């Protein structure tokens, strides 16, 4: 009887996992960071940044506003992070597990090789 109850319990757990939508998180590499140009009507003292992320074959530029402007984002180039790419935003979690969403400014195809050399060009 106990074996049958275990089997039913395991089956229910496995079947319930099929009904949940998959979290489509992907690995992103931070490829560039530069301060976002301030507009004339921007009165905020917080520095915002244009952060370039490479996700698979696409480079996304997102507008990142740090919660606390410590300037550490300037040193994040080359780091990997897990992101979920949406239509107009990219979501990520910080080290504490808090979810954040940043707007996508632009997207473009990523160069095939690091450094921007095309496949038919000699390495630069």
PDB file of N, CA and C in Angstrom:
ATOM      1  N   UNK A   1       0.827  -1.204   0.000  1.00  0.00           N
ATOM      2  CA  UNK A   1       0.000   0.000   0.000  1.00  0.00           C
ATOM      3  C   UNK A   1       0.868   1.264   0.000  1.00  0.00           C
ATOM      4  N   UNK A   2       1.961   1.258   0.817  1.00  0.00           N
ATOM      5  CA  UNK A   2       2.847   2.416   0.874  1.00  0.00           C
ATOM      6  C   UNK A   2       3.531   2.651  -0.464  1.00  0.00           C
ATOM      7  N   UNK A   3       3.915   1.570  -1.138  1.00  0.00           N
ATOM      8  CA  UNK A   3       4.568   1.713  -2.438  1.00  0.00           C
ATOM      9  C   UNK A   3       3.607   2.342  -3.443  1.00  0.00           C
ATOM     10  N   UNK A   4       2.366   1.951  -3.391  1.00  0.00           N
ATOM     11  CA  UNK A   4       1.367   2.499  -4.303  1.00  0.00           C
ATOM     12  C   UNK A   4       1.160   3.993  -4.037  1.00  0.00           C
ATOM     13  N   UNK A   5       1.139   4.390  -2.761  1.00  0.00           N
ATOM     14  CA  UNK A   5       0.962   5.803  -2.416  1.00  0.00           C
ATOM     15  C   UNK A   5       2.175   6.623  -2.870  1.00  0.00           C
ATOM     16  N   UNK A   6       3.377   6.075  -2.713  1.00  0.00           N
ATOM     17  CA  UNK A   6       4.573   6.768  -3.186  1.00  0.00           C
ATOM     18  C   UNK A   6       4.538   6.944  -4.696  1.00  0.00           C
ATOM     19  N   UNK A   7       4.162   5.895  -5.382  1.00  0.00           N
ATOM     20  CA  UNK A   7       4.088   5.948  -6.838  1.00  0.00           C
ATOM     21  C   UNK A   7       3.070   6.994  -7.301  1.00  0.00           C
ATOM     22  N   UNK A   8       1.931   7.054  -6.658  1.00  0.00           N
ATOM     23  CA  UNK A   8       0.918   8.051  -6.992  1.00  0.00           C
ATOM     24  C   UNK A   8       1.429   9.457  -6.684  1.00  0.00           C
ATOM     25  N   UNK A   9       2.105   9.618  -5.548  1.00  0.00           N
ATOM     26  CA  UNK A   9       2.650  10.929  -5.175  1.00  0.00           C
ATOM     27  C   UNK A   9       3.703  11.407  -6.161  1.00  0.00           C
ATOM     28  N   UNK A  10       4.605  10.537  -6.534  1.00  0.00           N
ATOM     29  CA  UNK A  10       5.645  10.902  -7.514  1.00  0.00           C
ATOM     30  C   UNK A  10       5.013  11.229  -8.859  1.00  0.00           C
ATOM     31  N   UNK A  11       4.030  10.447  -9.262  1.00  0.00           N
ATOM     32  CA  UNK A  11       3.349  10.697 -10.540  1.00  0.00           C
ATOM     33  C   UNK A  11       2.671  12.064 -10.545  1.00  0.00           C
ATOM     34  N   UNK A  12       2.043  12.429  -9.436  1.00  0.00           N
ATOM     35  CA  UNK A  12       1.379  13.730  -9.366  1.00  0.00           C
ATOM     36  C   UNK A  12       2.389  14.876  -9.449  1.00  0.00           C
ATOM     37  N   UNK A  13       3.527  14.729  -8.801  1.00  0.00           N
ATOM     38  CA  UNK A  13       4.562  15.765  -8.850  1.00  0.00           C
ATOM     39  C   UNK A  13       5.091  15.921 -10.268  1.00  0.00           C
ATOM     40  N   UNK A  14       5.372  14.807 -10.934  1.00  0.00           N
ATOM     41  CA  UNK A  14       5.892  14.847 -12.300  1.00  0.00           C
ATOM     42  C   UNK A  14       4.860  15.440 -13.244  1.00  0.00           C
ATOM     43  N   UNK A  15       3.627  15.027 -13.140  1.00  0.00           N
ATOM     44  CA  UNK A  15       2.586  15.540 -14.035  1.00  0.00           C
ATOM     45  C   UNK A  15       2.306  17.018 -13.809  1.00  0.00           C
ATOM     46  N   UNK A  16       2.385  17.475 -12.564  1.00  0.00           N
ATOM     47  CA  UNK A  16       2.121  18.889 -12.296  1.00  0.00           C
ATOM     48  C   UNK A  16       3.219  19.772 -12.876  1.00  0.00           C
ATOM     49  N   UNK A  17       4.426  19.258 -12.998  1.00  0.00           N
ATOM     50  CA  UNK A  17       5.510  20.067 -13.563  1.00  0.00           C
ATOM     51  C   UNK A  17       5.320  20.311 -15.049  1.00  0.00           C
ATOM     52  N   UNK A  18       4.595  19.438 -15.748  1.00  0.00           N
ATOM     53  CA  UNK A  18       4.344  19.633 -17.170  1.00  0.00           C
ATOM     54  C   UNK A  18       3.372  20.772 -17.431  1.00  0.00           C
ATOM     55  N   UNK A  19       2.524  21.082 -16.509  1.00  0.00           N
ATOM     56  CA  UNK A  19       1.533  22.129 -16.696  1.00  0.00           C
ATOM     57  C   UNK A  19       2.052  23.536 -16.469  1.00  0.00           C
ATOM     58  N   UNK A  20       3.262  23.673 -15.927  1.00  0.00           N
ATOM     59  CA  UNK A  20       3.805  24.988 -15.629  1.00  0.00           C
ATOM     60  C   UNK A  20       4.587  25.505 -16.826  1.00  0.00           C
ATOM     61  N   UNK A  21       4.455  26.801 -17.132  1.00  0.00           N
ATOM     62  CA  UNK A  21       5.211  27.344 -18.252  1.00  0.00           C
ATOM     63  C   UNK A  21       6.708  27.351 -17.946  1.00  0.00           C
ATOM     64  N   UNK A  22       7.493  27.119 -18.966  1.00  0.00           N
ATOM     65  CA  UNK A  22       8.946  27.086 -18.788  1.00  0.00           C
ATOM     66  C   UNK A  22       9.484  28.500 -18.605  1.00  0.00           C
ATOM     67  N   UNK A  23      10.395  28.640 -17.683  1.00  0.00           N
ATOM     68  CA  UNK A  23      11.082  29.912 -17.499  1.00  0.00           C
ATOM     69  C   UNK A  23      12.166  29.976 -18.559  1.00  0.00           C
ATOM     70  N   UNK A  24      12.025  30.863 -19.505  1.00  0.00           N
ATOM     71  CA  UNK A  24      12.959  30.912 -20.630  1.00  0.00           C
ATOM     72  C   UNK A  24      14.130  31.832 -20.330  1.00  0.00           C
ATOM     73  N   UNK A  25      14.853  31.537 -19.262  1.00  0.00           N
ATOM     74  CA  UNK A  25      16.040  32.309 -18.933  1.00  0.00           C
ATOM     75  C   UNK A  25      17.185  31.872 -19.838  1.00  0.00           C
ATOM     76  N   UNK A  26      17.983  32.846 -20.255  1.00  0.00           N
ATOM     77  CA  UNK A  26      19.122  32.584 -21.115  1.00  0.00           C
ATOM     78  C   UNK A  26      20.351  33.267 -20.525  1.00  0.00           C
ATOM     79  N   UNK A  27      21.523  32.775 -20.893  1.00  0.00           N
ATOM     80  CA  UNK A  27      22.764  33.382 -20.433  1.00  0.00           C
ATOM     81  C   UNK A  27      23.057  34.612 -21.285  1.00  0.00           C
ATOM     82  N   UNK A  28      23.350  35.719 -20.631  1.00  0.00           N
ATOM     83  CA  UNK A  28      23.727  36.958 -21.308  1.00  0.00           C
ATOM     84  C   UNK A  28      25.124  37.345 -20.835  1.00  0.00           C
ATOM     85  N   UNK A  29      25.882  37.958 -21.729  1.00  0.00           N
ATOM     86  CA  UNK A  29      27.206  38.469 -21.401  1.00  0.00           C
ATOM     87  C   UNK A  29      27.149  39.985 -21.541  1.00  0.00           C
ATOM     88  N   UNK A  30      27.599  40.691 -20.516  1.00  0.00           N
ATOM     89  CA  UNK A  30      27.651  42.158 -20.579  1.00  0.00           C
ATOM     90  C   UNK A  30      28.846  42.524 -21.446  1.00  0.00           C
ATOM     91  N   UNK A  31      28.575  43.149 -22.605  1.00  0.00           N
ATOM     92  CA  UNK A  31      29.641  43.449 -23.564  1.00  0.00           C
ATOM     93  C   UNK A  31      30.043  44.916 -23.581  1.00  0.00           C
ATOM     94  N   UNK A  32      29.267  45.777 -22.976  1.00  0.00           N
ATOM     95  CA  UNK A  32      29.626  47.184 -22.969  1.00  0.00           C
ATOM     96  C   UNK A  32      28.750  47.985 -22.033  1.00  0.00           C
ATOM     97  N   UNK A  33      29.336  49.045 -21.464  1.00  0.00           N
ATOM     98  CA  UNK A  33      28.607  49.917 -20.538  1.00  0.00           C
ATOM     99  C   UNK A  33      29.058  51.347 -20.796  1.00  0.00           C
ATOM    100  N   UNK A  34      28.091  52.242 -20.968  1.00  0.00           N
ATOM    101  CA  UNK A  34      28.438  53.658 -21.088  1.00  0.00           C
ATOM    102  C   UNK A  34      27.325  54.487 -20.473  1.00  0.00           C
ATOM    103  N   UNK A  35      27.644  55.651 -19.947  1.00  0.00           N
ATOM    104  CA  UNK A  35      26.611  56.507 -19.348  1.00  0.00           C
ATOM    105  C   UNK A  35      25.569  56.904 -20.392  1.00  0.00           C
ATOM    106  N   UNK A  36      24.327  56.893 -19.985  1.00  0.00           N
ATOM    107  CA  UNK A  36      23.227  57.288 -20.871  1.00  0.00           C
ATOM    108  C   UNK A  36      23.207  58.805 -20.971  1.00  0.00           C
ATOM    109  N   UNK A  37      23.115  59.347 -22.187  1.00  0.00           N
ATOM    110  CA  UNK A  37      23.088  60.809 -22.312  1.00  0.00           C
ATOM    111  C   UNK A  37      21.872  61.406 -21.611  1.00  0.00           C
ATOM    112  N   UNK A  38      22.101  62.451 -20.842  1.00  0.00           N
ATOM    113  CA  UNK A  38      21.017  63.117 -20.118  1.00  0.00           C
ATOM    114  C   UNK A  38      20.234  64.002 -21.087  1.00  0.00           C
ATOM    115  N   UNK A  39      18.928  64.060 -20.893  1.00  0.00           N
ATOM    116  CA  UNK A  39      18.083  64.927 -21.707  1.00  0.00           C
ATOM    117  C   UNK A  39      17.887  66.257 -20.988  1.00  0.00           C
ATOM    118  N   UNK A  40      17.383  67.237 -21.718  1.00  0.00           N
ATOM    119  CA  UNK A  40      17.187  68.579 -21.149  1.00  0.00           C
ATOM    120  C   UNK A  40      16.172  68.575 -20.011  1.00  0.00           C
ATOM    121  N   UNK A  41      15.150  67.714 -20.094  1.00  0.00           N
ATOM    122  CA  UNK A  41      14.108  67.695 -19.061  1.00  0.00           C
ATOM    123  C   UNK A  41      14.420  66.721 -17.924  1.00  0.00           C
ATOM    124  N   UNK A  42      15.608  66.121 -17.937  1.00  0.00           N
ATOM    125  CA  UNK A  42      15.993  65.173 -16.890  1.00  0.00           C
ATOM    126  C   UNK A  42      16.600  65.928 -15.715  1.00  0.00           C
ATOM    127  N   UNK A  43      15.876  65.984 -14.603  1.00  0.00           N
ATOM    128  CA  UNK A  43      16.360  66.692 -13.411  1.00  0.00           C
ATOM    129  C   UNK A  43      16.920  65.737 -12.366  1.00  0.00           C
ATOM    130  N   UNK A  44      16.918  64.462 -12.668  1.00  0.00           N
ATOM    131  CA  UNK A  44      17.392  63.468 -11.713  1.00  0.00           C
ATOM    132  C   UNK A  44      18.922  63.481 -11.645  1.00  0.00           C
ATOM    133  N   UNK A  45      19.445  63.276 -10.459  1.00  0.00           N
ATOM    134  CA  UNK A  45      20.889  63.246 -10.262  1.00  0.00           C
ATOM    135  C   UNK A  45      21.455  61.841 -10.429  1.00  0.00           C
ATOM    136  N   UNK A  46      20.587  60.864 -10.653  1.00  0.00           N
ATOM    137  CA  UNK A  46      21.011  59.475 -10.789  1.00  0.00           C
ATOM    138  C   UNK A  46      21.578  59.257 -12.189  1.00  0.00           C
ATOM    139  N   UNK A  47      22.747  58.664 -12.259  1.00  0.00           N
ATOM    140  CA  UNK A  47      23.350  58.338 -13.545  1.00  0.00           C
ATOM    141  C   UNK A  47      22.739  57.047 -14.058  1.00  0.00           C
ATOM    142  N   UNK A  48      22.271  57.096 -15.291  1.00  0.00           N
ATOM    143  CA  UNK A  48      21.731  55.895 -15.932  1.00  0.00           C
ATOM    144  C   UNK A  48      22.744  55.416 -16.960  1.00  0.00           C
ATOM    145  N   UNK A  49      22.670  54.148 -17.306  1.00  0.00           N
ATOM    146  CA  UNK A  49      23.677  53.553 -18.178  1.00  0.00           C
ATOM    147  C   UNK A  49      23.014  52.805 -19.330  1.00  0.00           C
ATOM    148  N   UNK A  50      23.675  52.866 -20.501  1.00  0.00           N
ATOM    149  CA  UNK A  50      23.325  52.013 -21.624  1.00  0.00           C
ATOM    150  C   UNK A  50      24.202  50.771 -21.492  1.00  0.00           C
ATOM    151  N   UNK A  51      23.565  49.630 -21.238  1.00  0.00           N
ATOM    152  CA  UNK A  51      24.293  48.381 -21.036  1.00  0.00           C
ATOM    153  C   UNK A  51      24.015  47.477 -22.226  1.00  0.00           C
ATOM    154  N   UNK A  52      25.089  47.011 -22.868  1.00  0.00           N
ATOM    155  CA  UNK A  52      24.968  46.093 -23.998  1.00  0.00           C
ATOM    156  C   UNK A  52      25.086  44.666 -23.498  1.00  0.00           C
ATOM    157  N   UNK A  53      24.119  43.840 -23.893  1.00  0.00           N
ATOM    158  CA  UNK A  53      24.085  42.435 -23.502  1.00  0.00           C
ATOM    159  C   UNK A  53      24.078  41.572 -24.753  1.00  0.00           C
ATOM    160  N   UNK A  54      24.917  40.549 -24.768  1.00  0.00           N
ATOM    161  CA  UNK A  54      24.888  39.583 -25.869  1.00  0.00           C
ATOM    162  C   UNK A  54      24.118  38.363 -25.388  1.00  0.00           C
ATOM    163  N   UNK A  55      22.992  38.088 -26.051  1.00  0.00           N
ATOM    164  CA  UNK A  55      22.168  36.921 -25.745  1.00  0.00           C
ATOM    165  C   UNK A  55      22.059  36.125 -27.035  1.00  0.00           C
ATOM    166  N   UNK A  56      22.649  34.942 -27.036  1.00  0.00           N
ATOM    167  CA  UNK A  56      22.742  34.112 -28.228  1.00  0.00           C
ATOM    168  C   UNK A  56      23.309  34.939 -29.371  1.00  0.00           C
ATOM    169  N   UNK A  57      22.582  35.152 -30.447  1.00  0.00           N
ATOM    170  CA  UNK A  57      23.112  35.869 -31.596  1.00  0.00           C
ATOM    171  C   UNK A  57      22.653  37.301 -31.688  1.00  0.00           C
ATOM    172  N   UNK A  58      22.241  37.905 -30.582  1.00  0.00           N
ATOM    173  CA  UNK A  58      21.700  39.268 -30.605  1.00  0.00           C
ATOM    174  C   UNK A  58      22.362  40.124 -29.533  1.00  0.00           C
ATOM    175  N   UNK A  59      22.633  41.376 -29.891  1.00  0.00           N
ATOM    176  CA  UNK A  59      23.115  42.365 -28.925  1.00  0.00           C
ATOM    177  C   UNK A  59      21.933  43.253 -28.550  1.00  0.00           C
ATOM    178  N   UNK A  60      21.595  43.293 -27.279  1.00  0.00           N
ATOM    179  CA  UNK A  60      20.536  44.157 -26.762  1.00  0.00           C
ATOM    180  C   UNK A  60      21.196  45.307 -26.009  1.00  0.00           C
ATOM    181  N   UNK A  61      20.708  46.511 -26.237  1.00  0.00           N
ATOM    182  CA  UNK A  61      21.132  47.660 -25.435  1.00  0.00           C
ATOM    183  C   UNK A  61      19.944  48.013 -24.556  1.00  0.00           C
ATOM    184  N   UNK A  62      20.167  47.999 -23.243  1.00  0.00           N
ATOM    185  CA  UNK A  62      19.103  48.277 -22.282  1.00  0.00           C
ATOM    186  C   UNK A  62      19.459  49.514 -21.473  1.00  0.00           C
ATOM    187  N   UNK A  63      18.442  50.172 -20.956  1.00  0.00           N
ATOM    188  CA  UNK A  63      18.637  51.345 -20.103  1.00  0.00           C
ATOM    189  C   UNK A  63      18.585  50.875 -18.655  1.00  0.00           C
ATOM    190  N   UNK A  64      19.738  50.941 -17.989  1.00  0.00           N
ATOM    191  CA  UNK A  64      19.851  50.461 -16.609  1.00  0.00           C
ATOM    192  C   UNK A  64      19.971  51.646 -15.665  1.00  0.00           C
ATOM    193  N   UNK A  65      19.082  51.691 -14.685  1.00  0.00           N
ATOM    194  CA  UNK A  65      19.143  52.693 -13.629  1.00  0.00           C
ATOM    195  C   UNK A  65      19.451  51.956 -12.332  1.00  0.00           C
ATOM    196  N   UNK A  66      20.648  52.131 -11.775  1.00  0.00           N
ATOM    197  CA  UNK A  66      20.991  51.385 -10.561  1.00  0.00           C
ATOM    198  C   UNK A  66      20.136  51.828  -9.379  1.00  0.00           C
ATOM    199  N   UNK A  67      19.721  50.883  -8.520  1.00  0.00           N
ATOM    200  CA  UNK A  67      18.927  51.245  -7.350  1.00  0.00           C
ATOM    201  C   UNK A  67      19.699  52.164  -6.410  1.00  0.00           C
ATOM    202  N   UNK A  68      21.001  51.913  -6.277  1.00  0.00           N
ATOM    203  CA  UNK A  68      21.886  52.768  -5.484  1.00  0.00           C
ATOM    204  C   UNK A  68      23.076  53.065  -6.387  1.00  0.00           C
ATOM    205  N   UNK A  69      23.296  54.329  -6.676  1.00  0.00           N
ATOM    206  CA  UNK A  69      24.343  54.684  -7.639  1.00  0.00           C
ATOM    207  C   UNK A  69      25.720  54.624  -6.989  1.00  0.00           C
ATOM    208  N   UNK A  70      26.286  53.416  -6.956  1.00  0.00           N
ATOM    209  CA  UNK A  70      27.631  53.243  -6.396  1.00  0.00           C
ATOM    210  C   UNK A  70      28.687  53.206  -7.484  1.00  0.00           C
ATOM    211  N   UNK A  71      28.275  53.142  -8.740  1.00  0.00           N
ATOM    212  CA  UNK A  71      29.209  53.110  -9.846  1.00  0.00           C
ATOM    213  C   UNK A  71      29.782  51.741 -10.141  1.00  0.00           C
ATOM    214  N   UNK A  72      29.337  50.704  -9.434  1.00  0.00           N
ATOM    215  CA  UNK A  72      29.892  49.369  -9.648  1.00  0.00           C
ATOM    216  C   UNK A  72      29.517  48.796 -11.006  1.00  0.00           C
ATOM    217  N   UNK A  73      28.446  49.293 -11.613  1.00  0.00           N
ATOM    218  CA  UNK A  73      28.040  48.779 -12.919  1.00  0.00           C
ATOM    219  C   UNK A  73      29.123  49.037 -13.960  1.00  0.00           C
ATOM    220  N   UNK A  74      29.934  50.057 -13.768  1.00  0.00           N
ATOM    221  CA  UNK A  74      30.994  50.376 -14.721  1.00  0.00           C
ATOM    222  C   UNK A  74      32.028  49.260 -14.831  1.00  0.00           C
ATOM    223  N   UNK A  75      32.090  48.409 -13.828  1.00  0.00           N
ATOM    224  CA  UNK A  75      33.090  47.345 -13.800  1.00  0.00           C
ATOM    225  C   UNK A  75      32.484  45.966 -14.083  1.00  0.00           C
ATOM    226  N   UNK A  76      31.276  45.910 -14.612  1.00  0.00           N
ATOM    227  CA  UNK A  76      30.586  44.641 -14.815  1.00  0.00           C
ATOM    228  C   UNK A  76      30.797  44.052 -16.203  1.00  0.00           C
ATOM    229  N   UNK A  77      31.521  44.740 -17.064  1.00  0.00           N
ATOM    230  CA  UNK A  77      31.723  44.235 -18.418  1.00  0.00           C
ATOM    231  C   UNK A  77      32.407  42.870 -18.377  1.00  0.00           C
ATOM    232  N   UNK A  78      31.882  41.940 -19.163  1.00  0.00           N
ATOM    233  CA  UNK A  78      32.415  40.584 -19.214  1.00  0.00           C
ATOM    234  C   UNK A  78      31.690  39.602 -18.313  1.00  0.00           C
ATOM    235  N   UNK A  79      30.850  40.089 -17.429  1.00  0.00           N
ATOM    236  CA  UNK A  79      30.113  39.201 -16.529  1.00  0.00           C
ATOM    237  C   UNK A  79      28.978  38.496 -17.263  1.00  0.00           C
ATOM    238  N   UNK A  80      28.638  37.316 -16.777  1.00  0.00           N
ATOM    239  CA  UNK A  80      27.483  36.567 -17.275  1.00  0.00           C
ATOM    240  C   UNK A  80      26.339  36.728 -16.291  1.00  0.00           C
ATOM    241  N   UNK A  81      25.120  36.742 -16.814  1.00  0.00           N
ATOM    242  CA  UNK A  81      23.941  36.730 -15.956  1.00  0.00           C
ATOM    243  C   UNK A  81      22.798  36.071 -16.697  1.00  0.00           C
ATOM    244  N   UNK A  82      21.845  35.585 -15.944  1.00  0.00           N
ATOM    245  CA  UNK A  82      20.672  34.963 -16.543  1.00  0.00           C
ATOM    246  C   UNK A  82      19.604  36.025 -16.754  1.00  0.00           C
ATOM    247  N   UNK A  83      19.047  36.056 -17.968  1.00  0.00           N
ATOM    248  CA  UNK A  83      18.030  37.040 -18.305  1.00  0.00           C
ATOM    249  C   UNK A  83      16.864  36.355 -19.001  1.00  0.00           C
ATOM    250  N   UNK A  84      15.732  37.024 -18.959  1.00  0.00           N
ATOM    251  CA  UNK A  84      14.556  36.587 -19.712  1.00  0.00           C
ATOM    252  C   UNK A  84      14.203  37.730 -20.646  1.00  0.00           C
ATOM    253  N   UNK A  85      14.281  37.468 -21.944  1.00  0.00           N
ATOM    254  CA  UNK A  85      14.058  38.497 -22.952  1.00  0.00           C
ATOM    255  C   UNK A  85      12.582  38.551 -23.312  1.00  0.00           C
ATOM    256  N   UNK A  86      11.998  39.747 -23.181  1.00  0.00           N
ATOM    257  CA  UNK A  86      10.612  39.974 -23.572  1.00  0.00           C
ATOM    258  C   UNK A  86      10.557  40.816 -24.829  1.00  0.00           C
ATOM    259  N   UNK A  87       9.370  41.273 -25.185  1.00  0.00           N
ATOM    260  CA  UNK A  87       9.198  42.115 -26.372  1.00  0.00           C
ATOM    261  C   UNK A  87       9.910  43.454 -26.222  1.00  0.00           C
ATOM    262  N   UNK A  88       9.674  44.128 -25.086  1.00  0.00           N
ATOM    263  CA  UNK A  88      10.215  45.471 -24.881  1.00  0.00           C
ATOM    264  C   UNK A  88      11.116  45.579 -23.659  1.00  0.00           C
ATOM    265  N   UNK A  89      11.239  44.500 -22.897  1.00  0.00           N
ATOM    266  CA  UNK A  89      12.033  44.539 -21.666  1.00  0.00           C
ATOM    267  C   UNK A  89      12.870  43.274 -21.513  1.00  0.00           C
ATOM    268  N   UNK A  90      13.867  43.374 -20.657  1.00  0.00           N
ATOM    269  CA  UNK A  90      14.668  42.217 -20.255  1.00  0.00           C
ATOM    270  C   UNK A  90      14.582  42.134 -18.736  1.00  0.00           C
ATOM    271  N   UNK A  91      14.308  40.947 -18.226  1.00  0.00           N
ATOM    272  CA  UNK A  91      14.200  40.721 -16.781  1.00  0.00           C
ATOM    273  C   UNK A  91      15.431  39.961 -16.300  1.00  0.00           C
ATOM    274  N   UNK A  92      15.845  40.261 -15.076  1.00  0.00           N
ATOM    275  CA  UNK A  92      16.961  39.558 -14.453  1.00  0.00           C
ATOM    276  C   UNK A  92      16.750  39.582 -12.951  1.00  0.00           C
ATOM    277  N   UNK A  93      17.478  38.722 -12.255  1.00  0.00           N
ATOM    278  CA  UNK A  93      17.433  38.678 -10.791  1.00  0.00           C
ATOM    279  C   UNK A  93      18.782  39.104 -10.249  1.00  0.00           C
ATOM    280  N   UNK A  94      18.765  39.856  -9.138  1.00  0.00           N
ATOM    281  CA  UNK A  94      20.023  40.234  -8.497  1.00  0.00           C
ATOM    282  C   UNK A  94      20.494  39.093  -7.596  1.00  0.00           C
ATOM    283  N   UNK A  95      21.571  39.324  -6.860  1.00  0.00           N
ATOM    284  CA  UNK A  95      22.128  38.276  -6.006  1.00  0.00           C
ATOM    285  C   UNK A  95      21.191  37.850  -4.890  1.00  0.00           C
ATOM    286  N   UNK A  96      20.267  38.725  -4.506  1.00  0.00           N
ATOM    287  CA  UNK A  96      19.312  38.398  -3.444  1.00  0.00           C
ATOM    288  C   UNK A  96      18.043  37.753  -3.978  1.00  0.00           C
ATOM    289  N   UNK A  97      17.951  37.588  -5.300  1.00  0.00           N
ATOM    290  CA  UNK A  97      16.786  36.963  -5.896  1.00  0.00           C
ATOM    291  C   UNK A  97      15.672  37.925  -6.245  1.00  0.00           C
ATOM    292  N   UNK A  98      15.898  39.224  -6.080  1.00  0.00           N
ATOM    293  CA  UNK A  98      14.880  40.211  -6.447  1.00  0.00           C
ATOM    294  C   UNK A  98      14.862  40.363  -7.962  1.00  0.00           C
ATOM    295  N   UNK A  99      13.678  40.385  -8.533  1.00  0.00           N
ATOM    296  CA  UNK A  99      13.530  40.493  -9.977  1.00  0.00           C
ATOM    297  C   UNK A  99      13.476  41.955 -10.402  1.00  0.00           C
ATOM    298  N   UNK A 100      14.183  42.279 -11.471  1.00  0.00           N
ATOM    299  CA  UNK A 100      14.199  43.620 -12.032  1.00  0.00           C
ATOM    300  C   UNK A 100      13.913  43.537 -13.523  1.00  0.00           C
ATOM    301  N   UNK A 101      13.385  44.608 -14.069  1.00  0.00           N
ATOM    302  CA  UNK A 101      13.070  44.675 -15.489  1.00  0.00           C
ATOM    303  C   UNK A 101      13.630  45.975 -16.042  1.00  0.00           C
ATOM    304  N   UNK A 102      14.335  45.889 -17.171  1.00  0.00           N
ATOM    305  CA  UNK A 102      14.921  47.071 -17.800  1.00  0.00           C
ATOM    306  C   UNK A 102      14.402  47.171 -19.222  1.00  0.00           C
ATOM    307  N   UNK A 103      14.168  48.404 -19.717  1.00  0.00           N
ATOM    308  CA  UNK A 103      13.657  48.554 -21.081  1.00  0.00           C
ATOM    309  C   UNK A 103      14.753  48.320 -22.120  1.00  0.00           C
ATOM    310  N   UNK A 104      14.359  47.724 -23.230  1.00  0.00           N
ATOM    311  CA  UNK A 104      15.273  47.516 -24.350  1.00  0.00           C
ATOM    312  C   UNK A 104      15.269  48.779 -25.195  1.00  0.00           C
ATOM    313  N   UNK A 105      16.461  49.358 -25.411  1.00  0.00           N
ATOM    314  CA  UNK A 105      16.592  50.549 -26.248  1.00  0.00           C
ATOM    315  C   UNK A 105      16.753  50.143 -27.710  1.00  0.00           C
ATOM    316  N   UNK A 106      17.586  49.131 -27.942  1.00  0.00           N
ATOM    317  CA  UNK A 106      17.796  48.657 -29.315  1.00  0.00           C
ATOM    318  C   UNK A 106      18.243  47.214 -29.295  1.00  0.00           C
ATOM    319  N   UNK A 107      18.151  46.585 -30.462  1.00  0.00           N
ATOM    320  CA  UNK A 107      18.648  45.227 -30.641  1.00  0.00           C
ATOM    321  C   UNK A 107      19.248  45.126 -32.032  1.00  0.00           C
ATOM    322  N   UNK A 108      20.319  44.349 -32.148  1.00  0.00           N
ATOM    323  CA  UNK A 108      20.979  44.166 -33.440  1.00  0.00           C
ATOM    324  C   UNK A 108      21.657  42.804 -33.452  1.00  0.00           C
ATOM    325  N   UNK A 109      21.917  42.274 -34.644  1.00  0.00           N
ATOM    326  CA  UNK A 109      22.622  40.984 -34.704  1.00  0.00           C
ATOM    327  C   UNK A 109      24.036  41.120 -34.153  1.00  0.00           C
ATOM    328  N   UNK A 110      24.463  40.106 -33.438  1.00  0.00           N
ATOM    329  CA  UNK A 110      25.807  40.110 -32.858  1.00  0.00           C
ATOM    330  C   UNK A 110      26.811  39.699 -33.929  1.00  0.00           C
ATOM    331  N   UNK A 111      28.028  40.261 -33.867  1.00  0.00           N
ATOM    332  CA  UNK A 111      29.059  39.803 -34.798  1.00  0.00           C
ATOM    333  C   UNK A 111      29.365  38.333 -34.537  1.00  0.00           C
ATOM    334  N   UNK A 112      29.773  37.639 -35.590  1.00  0.00           N
ATOM    335  CA  UNK A 112      30.029  36.204 -35.476  1.00  0.00           C
ATOM    336  C   UNK A 112      31.216  35.876 -34.596  1.00  0.00           C
ATOM    337  N   UNK A 113      32.240  36.724 -34.637  1.00  0.00           N
ATOM    338  CA  UNK A 113      33.446  36.469 -33.849  1.00  0.00           C
ATOM    339  C   UNK A 113      33.655  37.600 -32.860  1.00  0.00           C
ATOM    340  N   UNK A 114      34.244  37.309 -31.703  1.00  0.00           N
ATOM    341  CA  UNK A 114      34.605  38.398 -30.799  1.00  0.00           C
ATOM    342  C   UNK A 114      35.566  39.352 -31.506  1.00  0.00           C
ATOM    343  N   UNK A 115      35.364  40.627 -31.341  1.00  0.00           N
ATOM    344  CA  UNK A 115      36.200  41.619 -32.003  1.00  0.00           C
ATOM    345  C   UNK A 115      35.574  42.141 -33.273  1.00  0.00           C
ATOM    346  N   UNK A 116      34.463  41.554 -33.708  1.00  0.00           N
ATOM    347  CA  UNK A 116      33.725  42.074 -34.836  1.00  0.00           C
ATOM    348  C   UNK A 116      34.166  41.593 -36.198  1.00  0.00           C
ATOM    349  N   UNK A 117      35.154  40.684 -36.307  1.00  0.00           N
ATOM    350  CA  UNK A 117      35.583  40.208 -37.606  1.00  0.00           C
ATOM    351  C   UNK A 117      34.519  39.308 -38.208  1.00  0.00           C
ATOM    352  N   UNK A 118      34.247  39.470 -39.485  1.00  0.00           N
ATOM    353  CA  UNK A 118      33.283  38.632 -40.186  1.00  0.00           C
ATOM    354  C   UNK A 118      33.967  37.295 -40.525  1.00  0.00           C
ATOM    355  N   UNK A 119      33.182  36.233 -40.776  1.00  0.00           N
ATOM    356  CA  UNK A 119      33.781  34.912 -41.019  1.00  0.00           C
ATOM    357  C   UNK A 119      34.728  34.884 -42.206  1.00  0.00           C
ATOM    358  N   UNK A 120      34.480  35.686 -43.257  1.00  0.00           N
ATOM    359  CA  UNK A 120      35.332  35.642 -44.434  1.00  0.00           C
ATOM    360  C   UNK A 120      36.506  36.600 -44.354  1.00  0.00           C
ATOM    361  N   UNK A 121      36.613  37.390 -43.287  1.00  0.00           N
ATOM    362  CA  UNK A 121      37.716  38.330 -43.110  1.00  0.00           C
ATOM    363  C   UNK A 121      38.801  37.692 -42.251  1.00  0.00           C
ATOM    364  N   UNK A 122      40.053  38.030 -42.511  1.00  0.00           N
ATOM    365  CA  UNK A 122      41.095  37.562 -41.589  1.00  0.00           C
ATOM    366  C   UNK A 122      40.910  38.197 -40.228  1.00  0.00           C
ATOM    367  N   UNK A 123      41.360  37.541 -39.179  1.00  0.00           N
ATOM    368  CA  UNK A 123      41.207  38.065 -37.822  1.00  0.00           C
ATOM    369  C   UNK A 123      41.872  39.413 -37.662  1.00  0.00           C
ATOM    370  N   UNK A 124      41.267  40.264 -36.860  1.00  0.00           N
ATOM    371  CA  UNK A 124      41.804  41.614 -36.655  1.00  0.00           C
ATOM    372  C   UNK A 124      42.663  41.645 -35.428  1.00  0.00           C
TER     373      UNK A 124
END
